[in-house]
Amino acid sequence: MQVVVKTNNLTREEWLKYRTGGIGGSDVSIIAGINPFKSVHQLWLEKTGQVEPEQTESEYAHFGTLLEPIVRKEFTARTGIKVRQKHMLLQSTEYPFMYADLDGVINEDGELAIFEAKTASQYKLDTWEEEVPAGYILQVQHYMAVTGAKKTYIAALVGGNHFVYHVVERDEVMIAKIIAMEKYFWETHVLGGVEPIPDGSDATTNYFNSKFSNSNGQTIELPEEALAICEEYERLSEQVKELETAKSAAANQLKSYLKEAEAGTVGDRKIVWKQIFKSSLDQKRLKEEKPDIYNGYITQSSYRRLSVA
């Protein structure tokens, strides 16, 4: 590995700009299609310079950065393992498109180990106590590919008052897959300029719904390959209908066993058919009897509905 730049004096804008020169650890889950916050399409636009990297930092990311020294200090206090900060953007000499910005490094009898600090919300506690979330596994395996490290300590402060840490060993099979995936993305989409095919992730769906939330009312001619996609869309729609029908049939069969009972058990499974009470506003009646009140509180929103004919 080699040093791209020292990061301790960089502004956030400068740091984000340097990151467009390669693929960082947090980019891996995006390329893999498992990142809920950013789509591979957005990443491609940033890496190819078509849009500026996002400069606004979420509250979650902000406090993650703010609490990083605390997580690092707590890790040392609990384990006795000393962590040193790097303050460098590193680059793989074998695969120059692979970058790494480490939270810390550990010297274990002359062997390099990586330290990574995370923060998470309380509802993630069960996940963190059991294992490291998949996106972070990809991240640290990427870092080990860049640095040659054999081990990563990843510590997390969950819910502000639960501290957990795990040891992640180097996985050569996973690293090979990560390198192949990143190499294809970099050479085909970034250097080659080929737009990635949109995937079905929530991040990609949210991106297109947000980016193109307003239509201009025009009709355009689509490329010939869109015809096959239309046919695939219709085929999958029919499968969804069939699966929904089959799911409803299974639900009704269970209801036929339960009848008036609220719950039933079979083996290690528990089936619950619970009565739910909810209150709702009778908008039609309110509009007819109290139009002034109704009009004073009504809000209008819009969305685009896709249909294939």
C-alpha atoms as a PDB file:
ATOM      1  CA  MET A   1       0.000   0.000   0.000  1.00  0.00           C
ATOM      2  CA  GLN A   2       0.985   3.630  -0.410  1.00  0.00           C
ATOM      3  CA  VAL A   3      -0.189   6.965   0.976  1.00  0.00           C
ATOM      4  CA  VAL A   4      -2.457   9.069  -1.249  1.00  0.00           C
ATOM      5  CA  VAL A   5      -2.708  12.014   1.134  1.00  0.00           C
ATOM      6  CA  LYS A   6      -2.510  12.822   4.834  1.00  0.00           C
ATOM      7  CA  THR A   7      -6.018  13.544   6.052  1.00  0.00           C
ATOM      8  CA  ASN A   8      -5.589  15.281   9.416  1.00  0.00           C
ATOM      9  CA  ASN A   9      -5.658  18.787   7.880  1.00  0.00           C
ATOM     10  CA  LEU A  10      -8.147  18.175   5.070  1.00  0.00           C
ATOM     11  CA  THR A  11     -11.538  19.844   5.022  1.00  0.00           C
ATOM     12  CA  ARG A  12     -14.533  17.536   4.567  1.00  0.00           C
ATOM     13  CA  GLU A  13     -14.956  18.850   1.013  1.00  0.00           C
ATOM     14  CA  GLU A  14     -11.299  18.063   0.188  1.00  0.00           C
ATOM     15  CA  TRP A  15     -11.564  14.600   1.774  1.00  0.00           C
ATOM     16  CA  LEU A  16     -14.689  13.775  -0.264  1.00  0.00           C
ATOM     17  CA  LYS A  17     -12.937  14.950  -3.446  1.00  0.00           C
ATOM     18  CA  TYR A  18      -9.938  12.684  -2.835  1.00  0.00           C
ATOM     19  CA  ARG A  19     -12.283   9.733  -2.267  1.00  0.00           C
ATOM     20  CA  THR A  20     -13.604  10.002  -5.828  1.00  0.00           C
ATOM     21  CA  GLY A  21     -10.197   8.804  -7.060  1.00  0.00           C
ATOM     22  CA  GLY A  22     -10.895   5.261  -5.884  1.00  0.00           C
ATOM     23  CA  ILE A  23     -13.227   2.924  -4.059  1.00  0.00           C
ATOM     24  CA  GLY A  24     -13.317   3.284  -0.265  1.00  0.00           C
ATOM     25  CA  GLY A  25     -14.457   0.808   2.353  1.00  0.00           C
ATOM     26  CA  SER A  26     -17.885   2.396   2.782  1.00  0.00           C
ATOM     27  CA  ASP A  27     -18.447   2.162  -0.983  1.00  0.00           C
ATOM     28  CA  VAL A  28     -18.322  -1.641  -1.040  1.00  0.00           C
ATOM     29  CA  SER A  29     -21.806  -2.217   0.394  1.00  0.00           C
ATOM     30  CA  ILE A  30     -23.179   0.238  -2.181  1.00  0.00           C
ATOM     31  CA  ILE A  31     -21.607  -1.673  -5.073  1.00  0.00           C
ATOM     32  CA  ALA A  32     -22.892  -4.907  -3.528  1.00  0.00           C
ATOM     33  CA  GLY A  33     -26.422  -3.448  -3.447  1.00  0.00           C
ATOM     34  CA  ILE A  34     -26.965  -3.831   0.316  1.00  0.00           C
ATOM     35  CA  ASN A  35     -26.540  -0.212   1.403  1.00  0.00           C
ATOM     36  CA  PRO A  36     -29.945   1.233   2.385  1.00  0.00           C
ATOM     37  CA  PHE A  37     -28.841   4.866   2.043  1.00  0.00           C
ATOM     38  CA  LYS A  38     -27.072   5.198  -1.307  1.00  0.00           C
ATOM     39  CA  SER A  39     -27.556   3.495  -4.685  1.00  0.00           C
ATOM     40  CA  VAL A  40     -24.823   2.271  -7.014  1.00  0.00           C
ATOM     41  CA  HIS A  41     -26.156   4.790  -9.540  1.00  0.00           C
ATOM     42  CA  GLN A  42     -25.452   7.685  -7.168  1.00  0.00           C
ATOM     43  CA  LEU A  43     -21.984   6.301  -6.464  1.00  0.00           C
ATOM     44  CA  TRP A  44     -21.261   6.080 -10.203  1.00  0.00           C
ATOM     45  CA  LEU A  45     -22.324   9.690 -10.744  1.00  0.00           C
ATOM     46  CA  GLU A  46     -19.977  10.809  -7.958  1.00  0.00           C
ATOM     47  CA  LYS A  47     -17.003   8.714  -9.033  1.00  0.00           C
ATOM     48  CA  THR A  48     -17.303   9.898 -12.651  1.00  0.00           C
ATOM     49  CA  GLY A  49     -17.547  13.549 -11.623  1.00  0.00           C
ATOM     50  CA  GLN A  50     -21.080  14.014 -12.962  1.00  0.00           C
ATOM     51  CA  VAL A  51     -22.243  15.228  -9.549  1.00  0.00           C
ATOM     52  CA  GLU A  52     -20.346  16.560  -6.581  1.00  0.00           C
ATOM     53  CA  PRO A  53     -19.885  14.115  -3.680  1.00  0.00           C
ATOM     54  CA  GLU A  54     -22.470  14.638  -0.961  1.00  0.00           C
ATOM     55  CA  GLN A  55     -21.083  17.238   1.418  1.00  0.00           C
ATOM     56  CA  THR A  56     -23.913  17.302   3.926  1.00  0.00           C
ATOM     57  CA  GLU A  57     -23.308  15.003   6.865  1.00  0.00           C
ATOM     58  CA  SER A  58     -26.296  13.330   8.513  1.00  0.00           C
ATOM     59  CA  GLU A  59     -26.799  13.658  12.252  1.00  0.00           C
ATOM     60  CA  TYR A  60     -26.065   9.933  12.516  1.00  0.00           C
ATOM     61  CA  ALA A  61     -22.737  10.240  10.648  1.00  0.00           C
ATOM     62  CA  HIS A  62     -21.853  13.438  12.512  1.00  0.00           C
ATOM     63  CA  PHE A  63     -22.192  11.880  15.946  1.00  0.00           C
ATOM     64  CA  GLY A  64     -20.464   8.737  14.710  1.00  0.00           C
ATOM     65  CA  THR A  65     -17.399  10.832  13.905  1.00  0.00           C
ATOM     66  CA  LEU A  66     -17.733  12.767  17.161  1.00  0.00           C
ATOM     67  CA  LEU A  67     -17.897   9.591  19.257  1.00  0.00           C
ATOM     68  CA  GLU A  68     -15.103   7.738  17.459  1.00  0.00           C
ATOM     69  CA  PRO A  69     -12.388   8.784  19.985  1.00  0.00           C
ATOM     70  CA  ILE A  70     -14.633   7.627  22.848  1.00  0.00           C
ATOM     71  CA  VAL A  71     -15.174   4.216  21.231  1.00  0.00           C
ATOM     72  CA  ARG A  72     -11.438   3.891  20.618  1.00  0.00           C
ATOM     73  CA  LYS A  73     -10.585   4.888  24.207  1.00  0.00           C
ATOM     74  CA  GLU A  74     -13.171   2.465  25.636  1.00  0.00           C
ATOM     75  CA  PHE A  75     -11.834  -0.355  23.484  1.00  0.00           C
ATOM     76  CA  THR A  76      -8.317   0.196  24.861  1.00  0.00           C
ATOM     77  CA  ALA A  77      -9.641   0.450  28.431  1.00  0.00           C
ATOM     78  CA  ARG A  78     -11.488  -2.872  28.129  1.00  0.00           C
ATOM     79  CA  THR A  79      -8.922  -4.847  26.171  1.00  0.00           C
ATOM     80  CA  GLY A  80      -5.589  -3.234  27.012  1.00  0.00           C
ATOM     81  CA  ILE A  81      -4.881  -3.058  23.264  1.00  0.00           C
ATOM     82  CA  LYS A  82      -3.367   0.226  22.147  1.00  0.00           C
ATOM     83  CA  VAL A  83      -4.772   1.809  18.987  1.00  0.00           C
ATOM     84  CA  ARG A  84      -2.840   4.330  16.902  1.00  0.00           C
ATOM     85  CA  GLN A  85      -4.498   6.710  14.444  1.00  0.00           C
ATOM     86  CA  LYS A  86      -3.230   6.821  10.856  1.00  0.00           C
ATOM     87  CA  HIS A  87      -4.705  10.074   9.463  1.00  0.00           C
ATOM     88  CA  MET A  88      -3.882   8.883   5.948  1.00  0.00           C
ATOM     89  CA  LEU A  89      -5.805   7.875   2.851  1.00  0.00           C
ATOM     90  CA  LEU A  90      -4.132   4.644   1.753  1.00  0.00           C
ATOM     91  CA  GLN A  91      -4.083   3.040  -1.691  1.00  0.00           C
ATOM     92  CA  SER A  92      -3.453  -0.541  -2.762  1.00  0.00           C
ATOM     93  CA  THR A  93      -0.380  -0.800  -4.994  1.00  0.00           C
ATOM     94  CA  GLU A  94      -1.716  -3.994  -6.617  1.00  0.00           C
ATOM     95  CA  TYR A  95      -5.236  -2.636  -7.162  1.00  0.00           C
ATOM     96  CA  PRO A  96      -4.872   1.187  -7.321  1.00  0.00           C
ATOM     97  CA  PHE A  97      -8.639   1.741  -7.378  1.00  0.00           C
ATOM     98  CA  MET A  98      -8.875   0.411  -3.785  1.00  0.00           C
ATOM     99  CA  TYR A  99      -8.597   3.057  -1.052  1.00  0.00           C
ATOM    100  CA  ALA A 100      -8.645   2.793   2.736  1.00  0.00           C
ATOM    101  CA  ASP A 101      -9.131   5.473   5.386  1.00  0.00           C
ATOM    102  CA  LEU A 102      -8.656   3.641   8.681  1.00  0.00           C
ATOM    103  CA  ASP A 103      -9.984   4.600  12.109  1.00  0.00           C
ATOM    104  CA  GLY A 104      -6.868   3.097  13.676  1.00  0.00           C
ATOM    105  CA  VAL A 105      -4.156   0.457  13.510  1.00  0.00           C
ATOM    106  CA  ILE A 106      -2.838  -2.019  16.067  1.00  0.00           C
ATOM    107  CA  ASN A 107       0.608  -3.552  16.323  1.00  0.00           C
ATOM    108  CA  GLU A 108       0.280  -7.167  17.454  1.00  0.00           C
ATOM    109  CA  ASP A 109       3.776  -8.590  17.878  1.00  0.00           C
ATOM    110  CA  GLY A 110       4.933  -6.904  14.694  1.00  0.00           C
ATOM    111  CA  GLU A 111       1.779  -7.816  12.747  1.00  0.00           C
ATOM    112  CA  LEU A 112      -0.600  -5.131  11.505  1.00  0.00           C
ATOM    113  CA  ALA A 113      -4.215  -5.294  12.683  1.00  0.00           C
ATOM    114  CA  ILE A 114      -6.953  -2.795  11.887  1.00  0.00           C
ATOM    115  CA  PHE A 115      -9.285  -1.007  14.280  1.00  0.00           C
ATOM    116  CA  GLU A 116     -12.704   0.246  13.208  1.00  0.00           C
ATOM    117  CA  ALA A 117     -15.103   2.250  15.422  1.00  0.00           C
ATOM    118  CA  LYS A 118     -18.871   2.372  14.892  1.00  0.00           C
ATOM    119  CA  THR A 119     -21.982   3.761  16.543  1.00  0.00           C
ATOM    120  CA  ALA A 120     -25.464   2.281  16.175  1.00  0.00           C
ATOM    121  CA  SER A 121     -29.004   2.849  17.415  1.00  0.00           C
ATOM    122  CA  GLN A 122     -30.527   0.826  20.233  1.00  0.00           C
ATOM    123  CA  TYR A 123     -32.687  -1.320  17.951  1.00  0.00           C
ATOM    124  CA  LYS A 124     -29.487  -2.719  16.395  1.00  0.00           C
ATOM    125  CA  LEU A 125     -28.258  -4.080  19.740  1.00  0.00           C
ATOM    126  CA  ASP A 126     -29.308  -7.707  19.151  1.00  0.00           C
ATOM    127  CA  THR A 127     -27.599  -7.696  15.758  1.00  0.00           C
ATOM    128  CA  TRP A 128     -24.368  -6.231  17.101  1.00  0.00           C
ATOM    129  CA  GLU A 129     -24.246  -8.581  20.089  1.00  0.00           C
ATOM    130  CA  GLU A 130     -24.519 -11.549  17.741  1.00  0.00           C
ATOM    131  CA  GLU A 131     -22.365 -10.468  14.788  1.00  0.00           C
ATOM    132  CA  VAL A 132     -20.987  -7.608  12.722  1.00  0.00           C
ATOM    133  CA  PRO A 133     -23.545  -6.306  10.172  1.00  0.00           C
ATOM    134  CA  ALA A 134     -22.870  -7.456   6.595  1.00  0.00           C
ATOM    135  CA  GLY A 135     -22.024  -4.008   5.216  1.00  0.00           C
ATOM    136  CA  TYR A 136     -19.269  -3.531   7.789  1.00  0.00           C
ATOM    137  CA  ILE A 137     -17.882  -7.010   7.105  1.00  0.00           C
ATOM    138  CA  LEU A 138     -17.406  -5.980   3.473  1.00  0.00           C
ATOM    139  CA  GLN A 139     -15.825  -2.719   4.608  1.00  0.00           C
ATOM    140  CA  VAL A 140     -13.190  -4.272   6.854  1.00  0.00           C
ATOM    141  CA  GLN A 141     -12.394  -7.078   4.403  1.00  0.00           C
ATOM    142  CA  HIS A 142     -11.776  -4.325   1.833  1.00  0.00           C
ATOM    143  CA  TYR A 143      -9.420  -2.612   4.298  1.00  0.00           C
ATOM    144  CA  MET A 144      -7.549  -5.854   4.896  1.00  0.00           C
ATOM    145  CA  ALA A 145      -7.212  -6.311   1.136  1.00  0.00           C
ATOM    146  CA  VAL A 146      -5.628  -2.852   0.838  1.00  0.00           C
ATOM    147  CA  THR A 147      -3.309  -3.133   3.852  1.00  0.00           C
ATOM    148  CA  GLY A 148      -2.499  -6.843   3.945  1.00  0.00           C
ATOM    149  CA  ALA A 149      -3.733  -7.038   7.543  1.00  0.00           C
ATOM    150  CA  LYS A 150      -4.864 -10.442   8.819  1.00  0.00           C
ATOM    151  CA  LYS A 151      -7.298  -9.203  11.469  1.00  0.00           C
ATOM    152  CA  THR A 152      -9.678  -6.354  12.275  1.00  0.00           C
ATOM    153  CA  TYR A 153     -11.077  -5.308  15.655  1.00  0.00           C
ATOM    154  CA  ILE A 154     -14.424  -3.586  15.156  1.00  0.00           C
ATOM    155  CA  ALA A 155     -15.985  -1.891  18.196  1.00  0.00           C
ATOM    156  CA  ALA A 156     -19.422  -0.315  18.437  1.00  0.00           C
ATOM    157  CA  LEU A 157     -21.238   1.926  20.873  1.00  0.00           C
ATOM    158  CA  VAL A 158     -24.883   0.889  20.545  1.00  0.00           C
ATOM    159  CA  GLY A 159     -27.711   3.061  21.813  1.00  0.00           C
ATOM    160  CA  GLY A 160     -25.218   5.318  23.551  1.00  0.00           C
ATOM    161  CA  ASN A 161     -24.727   2.932  26.492  1.00  0.00           C
ATOM    162  CA  HIS A 162     -23.877  -0.564  25.184  1.00  0.00           C
ATOM    163  CA  PHE A 163     -20.315  -1.350  24.111  1.00  0.00           C
ATOM    164  CA  VAL A 164     -19.524  -4.412  22.004  1.00  0.00           C
ATOM    165  CA  TYR A 165     -16.577  -5.466  19.899  1.00  0.00           C
ATOM    166  CA  HIS A 166     -15.782  -8.309  17.531  1.00  0.00           C
ATOM    167  CA  VAL A 167     -12.698  -9.707  15.866  1.00  0.00           C
ATOM    168  CA  VAL A 168     -12.995 -10.229  12.112  1.00  0.00           C
ATOM    169  CA  GLU A 169     -10.410 -12.507  10.530  1.00  0.00           C
ATOM    170  CA  ARG A 170      -9.154 -12.030   6.992  1.00  0.00           C
ATOM    171  CA  ASP A 171     -11.263 -14.030   4.510  1.00  0.00           C
ATOM    172  CA  GLU A 172      -9.396 -14.649   1.262  1.00  0.00           C
ATOM    173  CA  VAL A 173     -12.475 -16.001  -0.554  1.00  0.00           C
ATOM    174  CA  MET A 174     -14.521 -12.922   0.330  1.00  0.00           C
ATOM    175  CA  ILE A 175     -11.643 -10.597  -0.522  1.00  0.00           C
ATOM    176  CA  ALA A 176     -11.299 -12.181  -3.964  1.00  0.00           C
ATOM    177  CA  LYS A 177     -15.000 -11.576  -4.602  1.00  0.00           C
ATOM    178  CA  ILE A 178     -14.755  -7.985  -3.338  1.00  0.00           C
ATOM    179  CA  ILE A 179     -11.775  -7.259  -5.587  1.00  0.00           C
ATOM    180  CA  ALA A 180     -13.535  -8.736  -8.627  1.00  0.00           C
ATOM    181  CA  MET A 181     -16.709  -6.766  -7.882  1.00  0.00           C
ATOM    182  CA  GLU A 182     -14.846  -3.485  -7.378  1.00  0.00           C
ATOM    183  CA  LYS A 183     -12.604  -4.057 -10.415  1.00  0.00           C
ATOM    184  CA  TYR A 184     -15.638  -4.562 -12.646  1.00  0.00           C
ATOM    185  CA  PHE A 185     -17.355  -1.454 -11.260  1.00  0.00           C
ATOM    186  CA  TRP A 186     -14.245   0.693 -11.634  1.00  0.00           C
ATOM    187  CA  GLU A 187     -13.149  -0.470 -15.087  1.00  0.00           C
ATOM    188  CA  THR A 188     -16.609  -0.842 -16.645  1.00  0.00           C
ATOM    189  CA  HIS A 189     -18.604   1.937 -15.050  1.00  0.00           C
ATOM    190  CA  VAL A 190     -16.096   4.543 -13.857  1.00  0.00           C
ATOM    191  CA  LEU A 191     -13.299   4.306 -16.446  1.00  0.00           C
ATOM    192  CA  GLY A 192     -15.546   2.915 -19.187  1.00  0.00           C
ATOM    193  CA  GLY A 193     -18.353   5.365 -18.489  1.00  0.00           C
ATOM    194  CA  VAL A 194     -21.052   2.703 -18.769  1.00  0.00           C
ATOM    195  CA  GLU A 195     -24.090   3.579 -16.668  1.00  0.00           C
ATOM    196  CA  PRO A 196     -24.850   0.818 -14.119  1.00  0.00           C
ATOM    197  CA  ILE A 197     -28.061  -1.136 -14.626  1.00  0.00           C
ATOM    198  CA  PRO A 198     -30.399  -0.036 -11.805  1.00  0.00           C
ATOM    199  CA  ASP A 199     -30.907  -2.727  -9.176  1.00  0.00           C
ATOM    200  CA  GLY A 200     -33.942  -3.380  -6.992  1.00  0.00           C
ATOM    201  CA  SER A 201     -32.529  -2.019  -3.735  1.00  0.00           C
ATOM    202  CA  ASP A 202     -34.506   0.447  -1.636  1.00  0.00           C
ATOM    203  CA  ALA A 203     -31.694   2.976  -2.083  1.00  0.00           C
ATOM    204  CA  THR A 204     -31.986   2.842  -5.883  1.00  0.00           C
ATOM    205  CA  THR A 205     -35.793   3.012  -5.752  1.00  0.00           C
ATOM    206  CA  ASN A 206     -35.653   6.029  -3.440  1.00  0.00           C
ATOM    207  CA  TYR A 207     -33.023   7.691  -5.633  1.00  0.00           C
ATOM    208  CA  PHE A 208     -35.088   7.544  -8.825  1.00  0.00           C
ATOM    209  CA  ASN A 209     -38.324   8.472  -7.050  1.00  0.00           C
ATOM    210  CA  SER A 210     -36.623  11.512  -5.530  1.00  0.00           C
ATOM    211  CA  LYS A 211     -34.439  12.561  -8.465  1.00  0.00           C
ATOM    212  CA  PHE A 212     -37.256  12.389 -11.006  1.00  0.00           C
ATOM    213  CA  SER A 213     -40.245  13.125  -8.788  1.00  0.00           C
ATOM    214  CA  ASN A 214     -41.860  15.457 -11.353  1.00  0.00           C
ATOM    215  CA  SER A 215     -42.838  14.510 -14.909  1.00  0.00           C
ATOM    216  CA  ASN A 216     -42.819  16.947 -17.838  1.00  0.00           C
ATOM    217  CA  GLY A 217     -45.854  15.385 -19.500  1.00  0.00           C
ATOM    218  CA  GLN A 218     -43.947  14.385 -22.640  1.00  0.00           C
ATOM    219  CA  THR A 219     -43.849  10.985 -24.366  1.00  0.00           C
ATOM    220  CA  ILE A 220     -40.467   9.768 -25.630  1.00  0.00           C
ATOM    221  CA  GLU A 221     -39.254   6.789 -27.662  1.00  0.00           C
ATOM    222  CA  LEU A 222     -37.393   4.230 -25.537  1.00  0.00           C
ATOM    223  CA  PRO A 223     -34.509   2.061 -26.800  1.00  0.00           C
ATOM    224  CA  GLU A 224     -35.340  -1.356 -28.246  1.00  0.00           C
ATOM    225  CA  GLU A 225     -33.979  -3.230 -25.197  1.00  0.00           C
ATOM    226  CA  ALA A 226     -36.730  -1.681 -23.037  1.00  0.00           C
ATOM    227  CA  LEU A 227     -39.205  -4.078 -24.689  1.00  0.00           C
ATOM    228  CA  ALA A 228     -37.584  -7.102 -23.033  1.00  0.00           C
ATOM    229  CA  ILE A 229     -37.648  -5.284 -19.688  1.00  0.00           C
ATOM    230  CA  CYS A 230     -41.390  -4.625 -20.138  1.00  0.00           C
ATOM    231  CA  GLU A 231     -41.950  -8.324 -20.712  1.00  0.00           C
ATOM    232  CA  GLU A 232     -39.888  -9.191 -17.639  1.00  0.00           C
ATOM    233  CA  TYR A 233     -41.841  -6.656 -15.573  1.00  0.00           C
ATOM    234  CA  GLU A 234     -45.147  -8.222 -16.646  1.00  0.00           C
ATOM    235  CA  ARG A 235     -43.870 -11.752 -15.968  1.00  0.00           C
ATOM    236  CA  LEU A 236     -42.708 -10.801 -12.480  1.00  0.00           C
ATOM    237  CA  SER A 237     -45.968  -8.955 -11.789  1.00  0.00           C
ATOM    238  CA  GLU A 238     -47.894 -12.143 -12.563  1.00  0.00           C
ATOM    239  CA  GLN A 239     -45.590 -14.129 -10.264  1.00  0.00           C
ATOM    240  CA  VAL A 240     -46.177 -11.610  -7.469  1.00  0.00           C
ATOM    241  CA  LYS A 241     -49.956 -11.969  -7.903  1.00  0.00           C
ATOM    242  CA  GLU A 242     -49.672 -15.760  -7.790  1.00  0.00           C
ATOM    243  CA  LEU A 243     -47.463 -15.634  -4.698  1.00  0.00           C
ATOM    244  CA  GLU A 244     -49.817 -13.186  -2.958  1.00  0.00           C
ATOM    245  CA  THR A 245     -52.736 -15.520  -3.691  1.00  0.00           C
ATOM    246  CA  ALA A 246     -50.775 -18.521  -2.388  1.00  0.00           C
ATOM    247  CA  LYS A 247     -49.768 -16.542   0.714  1.00  0.00           C
ATOM    248  CA  SER A 248     -53.420 -15.601   1.361  1.00  0.00           C
ATOM    249  CA  ALA A 249     -54.430 -19.251   1.006  1.00  0.00           C
ATOM    250  CA  ALA A 250     -51.831 -20.310   3.584  1.00  0.00           C
ATOM    251  CA  ALA A 251     -53.027 -17.531   5.932  1.00  0.00           C
ATOM    252  CA  ASN A 252     -56.653 -18.628   5.564  1.00  0.00           C
ATOM    253  CA  GLN A 253     -55.757 -22.242   6.305  1.00  0.00           C
ATOM    254  CA  LEU A 254     -54.121 -21.140   9.558  1.00  0.00           C
ATOM    255  CA  LYS A 255     -57.179 -19.008  10.392  1.00  0.00           C
ATOM    256  CA  SER A 256     -59.364 -22.061   9.859  1.00  0.00           C
ATOM    257  CA  TYR A 257     -57.420 -23.833  12.614  1.00  0.00           C
ATOM    258  CA  LEU A 258     -57.466 -20.868  15.001  1.00  0.00           C
ATOM    259  CA  LYS A 259     -61.119 -19.864  14.577  1.00  0.00           C
ATOM    260  CA  GLU A 260     -61.959 -17.776  17.715  1.00  0.00           C
ATOM    261  CA  ALA A 261     -58.609 -18.489  19.397  1.00  0.00           C
ATOM    262  CA  GLU A 262     -56.110 -15.619  19.405  1.00  0.00           C
ATOM    263  CA  ALA A 263     -52.990 -17.803  19.235  1.00  0.00           C
ATOM    264  CA  GLY A 264     -51.936 -21.338  18.517  1.00  0.00           C
ATOM    265  CA  THR A 265     -48.694 -23.327  18.730  1.00  0.00           C
ATOM    266  CA  VAL A 266     -47.296 -26.134  16.630  1.00  0.00           C
ATOM    267  CA  GLY A 267     -43.778 -27.464  17.156  1.00  0.00           C
ATOM    268  CA  ASP A 268     -41.625 -24.430  17.892  1.00  0.00           C
ATOM    269  CA  ARG A 269     -43.901 -22.052  15.944  1.00  0.00           C
ATOM    270  CA  LYS A 270     -46.479 -19.657  17.358  1.00  0.00           C
ATOM    271  CA  ILE A 271     -49.306 -18.306  15.200  1.00  0.00           C
ATOM    272  CA  VAL A 272     -51.137 -15.190  16.397  1.00  0.00           C
ATOM    273  CA  TRP A 273     -54.399 -13.824  14.958  1.00  0.00           C
ATOM    274  CA  LYS A 274     -54.854 -10.813  17.144  1.00  0.00           C
ATOM    275  CA  GLN A 275     -57.687  -8.312  17.180  1.00  0.00           C
ATOM    276  CA  ILE A 276     -56.432  -4.802  16.431  1.00  0.00           C
ATOM    277  CA  PHE A 277     -58.380  -1.630  17.220  1.00  0.00           C
ATOM    278  CA  LYS A 278     -57.625   1.616  15.439  1.00  0.00           C
ATOM    279  CA  SER A 279     -59.193   5.025  15.055  1.00  0.00           C
ATOM    280  CA  SER A 280     -59.454   6.762  11.715  1.00  0.00           C
ATOM    281  CA  LEU A 281     -60.777  10.081  10.476  1.00  0.00           C
ATOM    282  CA  ASP A 282     -63.944  10.003   8.387  1.00  0.00           C
ATOM    283  CA  GLN A 283     -62.670  12.426   5.756  1.00  0.00           C
ATOM    284  CA  LYS A 284     -65.764  12.203   3.577  1.00  0.00           C
ATOM    285  CA  ARG A 285     -68.081  13.172   6.443  1.00  0.00           C
ATOM    286  CA  LEU A 286     -65.746  15.935   7.632  1.00  0.00           C
ATOM    287  CA  LYS A 287     -65.603  17.388   4.130  1.00  0.00           C
ATOM    288  CA  GLU A 288     -69.403  17.384   3.834  1.00  0.00           C
ATOM    289  CA  GLU A 289     -70.242  18.702   7.330  1.00  0.00           C
ATOM    290  CA  LYS A 290     -67.221  20.924   8.110  1.00  0.00           C
ATOM    291  CA  PRO A 291     -65.759  22.005   4.739  1.00  0.00           C
ATOM    292  CA  ASP A 292     -63.951  25.036   6.194  1.00  0.00           C
ATOM    293  CA  ILE A 293     -62.120  22.894   8.754  1.00  0.00           C
ATOM    294  CA  TYR A 294     -61.395  20.210   6.172  1.00  0.00           C
ATOM    295  CA  ASN A 295     -59.953  22.692   3.667  1.00  0.00           C
ATOM    296  CA  GLY A 296     -57.893  24.345   6.385  1.00  0.00           C
ATOM    297  CA  TYR A 297     -56.026  21.160   7.216  1.00  0.00           C
ATOM    298  CA  ILE A 298     -55.842  19.359   3.887  1.00  0.00           C
ATOM    299  CA  THR A 299     -52.365  18.906   2.414  1.00  0.00           C
ATOM    300  CA  GLN A 300     -51.502  17.805  -1.085  1.00  0.00           C
ATOM    301  CA  SER A 301     -48.678  15.518  -2.131  1.00  0.00           C
ATOM    302  CA  SER A 302     -47.774  13.747  -5.339  1.00  0.00           C
ATOM    303  CA  TYR A 303     -45.885  10.718  -6.559  1.00  0.00           C
ATOM    304  CA  ARG A 304     -45.292   9.028  -9.891  1.00  0.00           C
ATOM    305  CA  ARG A 305     -46.933   5.656 -10.505  1.00  0.00           C
ATOM    306  CA  LEU A 306     -45.303   3.337 -13.014  1.00  0.00           C
ATOM    307  CA  SER A 307     -47.565   1.261 -15.269  1.00  0.00           C
ATOM    308  CA  VAL A 308     -46.687  -0.980 -18.212  1.00  0.00           C
ATOM    309  CA  ALA A 309     -49.292  -1.540 -20.937  1.00  0.00           C
END
